[in-house]
Amino acid sequence: MKDARIPVSRVIHTIHATTDIYKCRLLYQDALGGLVFAENYFPAEDRDAALLYVNDHMVEPMAPRSPDDLSKPFARMTARIGQAFHSFEIKVPDGKAASAAFREAGCTVASDYGVFFFVKPESTGGVLLEVCELAMPNDPYDRGNWNPMVGAGHACAVTGLDHIACVTADIGAALHFFTEVIDGEVLEDGRTELPQAGRRVLIRVGDTRVAFIQPDEIRAGPLGAFLAKEQNGIYALVWKLADEEKARTHFAEKLKLRLTRDGCISRGFAIDPDDFLGARHEFVTG
């Protein structure tokens, strides 16, 4: 029987919503060795963006050019969630067909430009998801000689993305969307105590691992606090390190970024999100 689920070939990028595109781009370059390959302005949403790779994972800092003009969807979103992870994007073979299939499955689709659109969090278990059929402009991934270790040798010692971590109040809805509506594969399903007791499901989405965590107490603890605020579901990007001591020296001593274990969903450490324009980056070794 033919698989009716929407096929996903890769996670293209994670969007970091910010109010200062220049500062955000430089932070990714200086702290994580991000290599910028494109910058653009999208008039329909009046927002600026930069596209960069931190080794194998693309991040897109994005900022409204006129943040007070709430007639534009991205300005409204930034006003609602502040500086934070906005969404991650999946690549599908046919955007129009995927949009129709998602609508037929009962999903709420927004900002539908045909070749790309968004699926709202109420349809995915709490995560804002971008869906696209197009390659990113000037993307090295599509040139035929892609090397996922483009940032090798940087002082941060990051070797690649371990996973995208999402926090949800409805893990059943997340499982339904990511394994029944699209063709994600469950890799692990078990318990976690980090940073509080809950259920954790790890799913392969295209070429990327995505974790969904539902705390037992959704109104308590750091994960409960996350769920209580305005957010789009992405809690952290968790990166793999080759050398923790080297990374700590780079972050804390050279760049003066504060490091913490508070609220970590991994066994590693994080850069204080307040020092990274609202985004939580965690780091694990081994």
Protein backbone atom coordinates (compact mmCIF):
# COMPACT_ATOMS: atom_id res chain seq x y z
CA MET A 1 0.00 0.00 0.00
CA LYS A 2 1.32 3.46 -0.90
CA ASP A 3 2.37 5.60 2.05
CA ALA A 4 -0.08 8.53 2.08
CA ARG A 5 2.02 10.60 4.47
CA ILE A 6 3.78 13.73 3.21
CA PRO A 7 7.44 12.87 2.56
CA VAL A 8 10.08 15.13 4.13
CA SER A 9 13.61 15.07 2.74
CA ARG A 10 15.29 17.40 5.24
CA VAL A 11 14.88 20.02 7.91
CA ILE A 12 16.05 23.13 6.06
CA HIS A 13 16.61 25.51 8.96
CA THR A 14 15.51 26.91 12.29
CA ILE A 15 14.33 30.54 12.36
CA HIS A 16 15.52 32.77 15.20
CA ALA A 17 13.19 35.77 15.57
CA THR A 18 15.05 38.87 16.70
CA THR A 19 14.72 42.63 16.73
CA ASP A 20 18.37 43.20 15.76
CA ILE A 21 19.36 41.26 12.62
CA TYR A 22 22.91 42.63 12.62
CA LYS A 23 23.65 41.74 16.25
CA CYS A 24 22.03 38.31 15.91
CA ARG A 25 23.97 37.43 12.78
CA LEU A 26 27.27 38.49 14.37
CA LEU A 27 26.49 36.46 17.50
CA TYR A 28 26.06 33.28 15.47
CA GLN A 29 29.27 34.04 13.60
CA ASP A 30 31.37 34.84 16.67
CA ALA A 31 29.95 32.34 19.17
CA LEU A 32 29.12 29.33 16.99
CA GLY A 33 31.27 29.84 13.89
CA GLY A 34 28.23 30.47 11.71
CA LEU A 35 29.02 30.96 8.03
CA VAL A 36 26.60 33.35 6.29
CA PHE A 37 25.80 32.49 2.67
CA ALA A 38 22.82 34.73 1.93
CA GLU A 39 20.91 37.78 3.16
CA ASN A 40 17.55 39.00 1.96
CA TYR A 41 14.60 41.31 2.46
CA PHE A 42 11.06 39.96 1.94
CA PRO A 43 8.70 42.88 1.17
CA ALA A 44 5.49 40.88 1.69
CA GLU A 45 6.35 40.52 5.38
CA ASP A 46 8.67 43.55 5.68
CA ARG A 47 11.43 41.53 7.30
CA ASP A 48 15.17 41.04 6.93
CA ALA A 49 16.90 37.68 7.20
CA ALA A 50 20.33 36.09 7.05
CA LEU A 51 21.00 32.45 6.18
CA LEU A 52 23.96 30.76 7.84
CA TYR A 53 25.29 27.31 8.67
CA VAL A 54 26.56 26.15 12.02
CA ASN A 55 28.27 23.09 10.57
CA ASP A 56 25.40 20.84 9.38
CA HIS A 57 22.41 22.91 10.51
CA MET A 58 21.13 26.11 8.94
CA VAL A 59 19.85 28.92 11.14
CA GLU A 60 17.94 31.93 9.84
CA PRO A 61 18.04 35.04 12.03
CA MET A 62 15.03 37.13 11.02
CA ALA A 63 13.85 40.59 12.07
CA PRO A 64 10.96 42.88 11.16
CA ARG A 65 12.26 46.02 9.47
CA SER A 66 9.39 48.05 10.97
CA PRO A 67 8.59 46.27 14.25
CA ASP A 68 5.83 48.75 15.15
CA ASP A 69 3.89 48.04 11.94
CA LEU A 70 1.64 45.27 13.24
CA SER A 71 -0.14 44.99 9.89
CA LYS A 72 2.73 42.67 8.87
CA PRO A 73 2.62 39.05 10.08
CA PHE A 74 6.25 38.77 11.15
CA ALA A 75 6.11 42.00 13.14
CA ARG A 76 2.98 40.68 14.89
CA MET A 77 4.72 37.39 15.64
CA THR A 78 7.82 39.07 17.04
CA ALA A 79 5.66 41.32 19.20
CA ARG A 80 3.91 38.22 20.53
CA ILE A 81 6.85 35.88 21.26
CA GLY A 82 9.71 38.38 21.58
CA GLN A 83 13.24 37.28 20.68
CA ALA A 84 13.09 33.48 20.51
CA PHE A 85 13.12 30.51 18.18
CA HIS A 86 10.27 31.07 15.75
CA SER A 87 9.93 27.79 13.80
CA PHE A 88 11.78 25.12 11.89
CA GLU A 89 11.29 24.38 8.22
CA ILE A 90 10.83 21.08 6.41
CA LYS A 91 11.40 20.44 2.71
CA VAL A 92 8.68 18.68 0.70
CA PRO A 93 8.58 17.80 -3.02
CA ASP A 94 5.44 19.83 -3.83
CA GLY A 95 4.34 22.77 -1.70
CA LYS A 96 0.83 23.12 -3.15
CA ALA A 97 0.14 19.42 -2.80
CA ALA A 98 1.44 19.43 0.78
CA SER A 99 -0.70 22.46 1.67
CA ALA A 100 -3.81 20.74 0.31
CA ALA A 101 -2.98 17.51 2.13
CA PHE A 102 -2.42 19.29 5.43
CA ARG A 103 -5.72 21.14 5.10
CA GLU A 104 -7.49 17.87 4.30
CA ALA A 105 -5.96 16.37 7.45
CA GLY A 106 -7.52 19.18 9.48
CA CYS A 107 -4.38 21.28 9.92
CA THR A 108 -4.44 25.07 10.05
CA VAL A 109 -2.26 26.56 7.31
CA ALA A 110 -1.19 30.22 7.29
CA SER A 111 0.88 32.64 5.18
CA ASP A 112 0.47 30.33 2.21
CA TYR A 113 2.57 31.60 -0.69
CA GLY A 114 2.19 28.38 -2.69
CA VAL A 115 5.80 27.22 -2.65
CA PHE A 116 6.06 27.80 1.09
CA PHE A 117 3.64 28.19 3.99
CA PHE A 118 3.28 27.64 7.73
CA VAL A 119 1.39 25.03 9.74
CA LYS A 120 0.13 26.56 12.98
CA PRO A 121 1.07 25.11 16.38
CA GLU A 122 -2.45 23.89 17.20
CA SER A 123 -2.05 21.35 14.38
CA THR A 124 1.40 20.01 15.31
CA GLY A 125 1.35 19.61 19.07
CA GLY A 126 2.57 23.12 19.71
CA VAL A 127 5.32 23.82 17.16
CA LEU A 128 5.12 26.42 14.41
CA LEU A 129 6.30 24.63 11.28
CA GLU A 130 7.39 26.13 7.98
CA VAL A 131 6.97 23.99 4.86
CA CYS A 132 8.80 24.68 1.60
CA GLU A 133 9.53 23.04 -1.74
CA LEU A 134 12.28 25.45 -2.79
CA ALA A 135 15.99 25.43 -2.10
CA MET A 136 17.29 28.39 -0.12
CA PRO A 137 19.04 31.01 -2.27
CA ASN A 138 22.74 30.26 -2.75
CA ASP A 139 22.52 27.23 -0.41
CA PRO A 140 25.85 25.29 -0.38
CA TYR A 141 23.85 22.13 0.44
CA ASP A 142 22.53 22.04 -3.14
CA ARG A 143 25.81 22.52 -4.99
CA GLY A 144 26.88 18.88 -5.18
CA ASN A 145 29.98 19.17 -3.00
CA TRP A 146 28.32 19.83 0.36
CA ASN A 147 30.50 19.34 3.45
CA PRO A 148 28.54 19.31 6.73
CA MET A 149 31.74 20.16 8.61
CA VAL A 150 31.98 23.64 7.10
CA GLY A 151 32.70 25.12 10.53
CA ALA A 152 35.34 22.59 11.60
CA GLY A 153 38.19 24.11 13.58
CA HIS A 154 36.26 27.01 15.07
CA ALA A 155 37.00 27.80 18.72
CA CYS A 156 33.45 26.85 19.80
CA ALA A 157 34.29 23.15 19.11
CA VAL A 158 30.76 22.49 17.78
CA THR A 159 30.72 19.51 15.39
CA GLY A 160 27.05 19.54 14.43
CA LEU A 161 23.45 19.55 15.59
CA ASP A 162 22.42 16.79 17.97
CA HIS A 163 18.71 17.60 17.88
CA ILE A 164 15.99 20.24 17.99
CA ALA A 165 14.21 20.13 21.37
CA CYS A 166 10.52 21.05 21.57
CA VAL A 167 8.29 21.26 24.63
CA THR A 168 4.62 20.37 24.30
CA ALA A 169 1.50 20.08 26.42
CA ASP A 170 0.08 17.50 23.98
CA ILE A 171 2.65 14.94 22.94
CA GLY A 172 -0.06 12.80 21.35
CA ALA A 173 -0.86 15.56 18.87
CA ALA A 174 2.85 15.99 18.09
CA LEU A 175 3.24 12.26 17.47
CA HIS A 176 0.16 12.23 15.25
CA PHE A 177 1.38 15.07 13.06
CA PHE A 178 5.04 14.13 12.83
CA THR A 179 4.54 10.39 12.27
CA GLU A 180 1.09 10.08 10.66
CA VAL A 181 0.63 13.28 8.66
CA ILE A 182 4.30 13.51 7.65
CA ASP A 183 6.67 10.55 7.44
CA GLY A 184 8.67 10.98 10.66
CA GLU A 185 10.08 7.92 12.44
CA VAL A 186 10.05 7.40 16.23
CA LEU A 187 13.59 6.63 17.42
CA GLU A 188 13.04 6.68 21.20
CA ASP A 189 10.03 6.95 23.50
CA GLY A 190 10.70 7.05 27.22
CA ARG A 191 11.03 9.03 30.41
CA THR A 192 13.23 12.00 31.22
CA GLU A 193 14.10 13.84 34.40
CA LEU A 194 15.80 16.76 32.64
CA PRO A 195 15.05 19.39 33.74
CA GLN A 196 11.92 17.85 35.27
CA ALA A 197 9.99 14.61 35.06
CA GLY A 198 8.17 13.93 31.82
CA ARG A 199 7.82 11.91 28.65
CA ARG A 200 10.34 12.38 25.85
CA VAL A 201 9.89 11.15 22.28
CA LEU A 202 12.71 11.46 19.75
CA ILE A 203 11.61 11.49 16.10
CA ARG A 204 13.64 11.51 12.91
CA VAL A 205 12.21 14.18 10.61
CA GLY A 206 13.94 14.05 7.24
CA ASP A 207 17.65 14.21 8.07
CA THR A 208 17.24 15.69 11.57
CA ARG A 209 16.33 14.43 15.03
CA VAL A 210 13.57 16.33 16.83
CA ALA A 211 12.68 15.68 20.49
CA PHE A 212 9.26 16.39 21.96
CA ILE A 213 9.05 16.64 25.75
CA GLN A 214 5.84 16.78 27.75
CA PRO A 215 6.43 17.49 31.45
CA ASP A 216 4.28 15.61 33.94
CA GLU A 217 3.47 18.96 35.55
CA ILE A 218 2.72 21.32 32.70
CA ARG A 219 2.17 24.25 35.06
CA ALA A 220 5.33 23.82 37.15
CA GLY A 221 9.09 23.83 36.71
CA PRO A 222 11.13 25.38 33.88
CA LEU A 223 9.21 23.52 31.17
CA GLY A 224 5.90 24.61 32.68
CA ALA A 225 7.18 28.18 32.70
CA PHE A 226 8.06 27.82 29.02
CA LEU A 227 4.60 26.51 28.17
CA ALA A 228 2.95 29.33 30.15
CA LYS A 229 4.53 32.09 28.07
CA GLU A 230 3.94 33.07 24.45
CA GLN A 231 6.14 30.75 22.37
CA ASN A 232 6.13 28.54 19.27
CA GLY A 233 7.24 25.28 20.83
CA ILE A 234 11.01 25.19 20.16
CA TYR A 235 12.81 25.09 23.50
CA ALA A 236 16.45 24.64 22.42
CA LEU A 237 18.92 23.70 19.75
CA VAL A 238 21.23 21.04 21.21
CA TRP A 239 24.70 20.95 19.65
CA LYS A 240 27.43 18.29 19.76
CA LEU A 241 30.85 19.31 21.05
CA ALA A 242 34.29 17.87 20.37
CA ASP A 243 35.85 19.57 23.42
CA GLU A 244 33.78 20.96 26.31
CA GLU A 245 36.68 22.77 27.99
CA LYS A 246 37.59 24.53 24.75
CA ALA A 247 33.96 25.52 24.19
CA ARG A 248 33.56 26.87 27.73
CA THR A 249 36.72 28.92 27.40
CA HIS A 250 35.53 30.38 24.10
CA PHE A 251 32.03 31.22 25.34
CA ALA A 252 32.76 32.39 28.88
CA GLU A 253 36.27 33.83 28.76
CA LYS A 254 36.58 35.20 25.25
CA LEU A 255 33.00 36.26 24.53
CA LYS A 256 31.86 36.82 28.16
CA LEU A 257 28.68 34.81 27.65
CA ARG A 258 27.11 33.40 30.80
CA LEU A 259 26.86 29.60 30.98
CA THR A 260 24.27 27.63 32.92
CA ARG A 261 22.84 24.18 33.58
CA ASP A 262 19.54 25.59 34.81
CA GLY A 263 16.63 24.41 32.70
CA CYS A 264 18.76 22.16 30.49
CA ILE A 265 16.88 19.35 28.74
CA SER A 266 20.24 17.69 28.02
CA ARG A 267 23.09 16.52 30.26
CA GLY A 268 25.23 19.34 28.97
CA PHE A 269 25.20 23.09 29.55
CA ALA A 270 23.65 26.11 27.89
CA ILE A 271 24.50 29.67 27.01
CA ASP A 272 22.14 31.83 29.06
CA PRO A 273 19.31 32.63 26.60
CA ASP A 274 19.36 36.26 27.72
CA ASP A 275 22.90 36.45 26.30
CA PHE A 276 21.81 34.92 22.97
CA LEU A 277 18.90 37.18 22.10
CA GLY A 278 16.31 34.86 23.63
CA ALA A 279 17.48 31.58 22.02
CA ARG A 280 18.56 28.62 24.15
CA HIS A 281 21.62 26.79 22.80
CA GLU A 282 22.70 23.67 24.70
CA PHE A 283 25.92 21.69 24.23
CA VAL A 284 26.67 18.01 24.82
CA THR A 285 29.78 15.89 24.37
CA GLY A 286 30.09 12.26 23.32
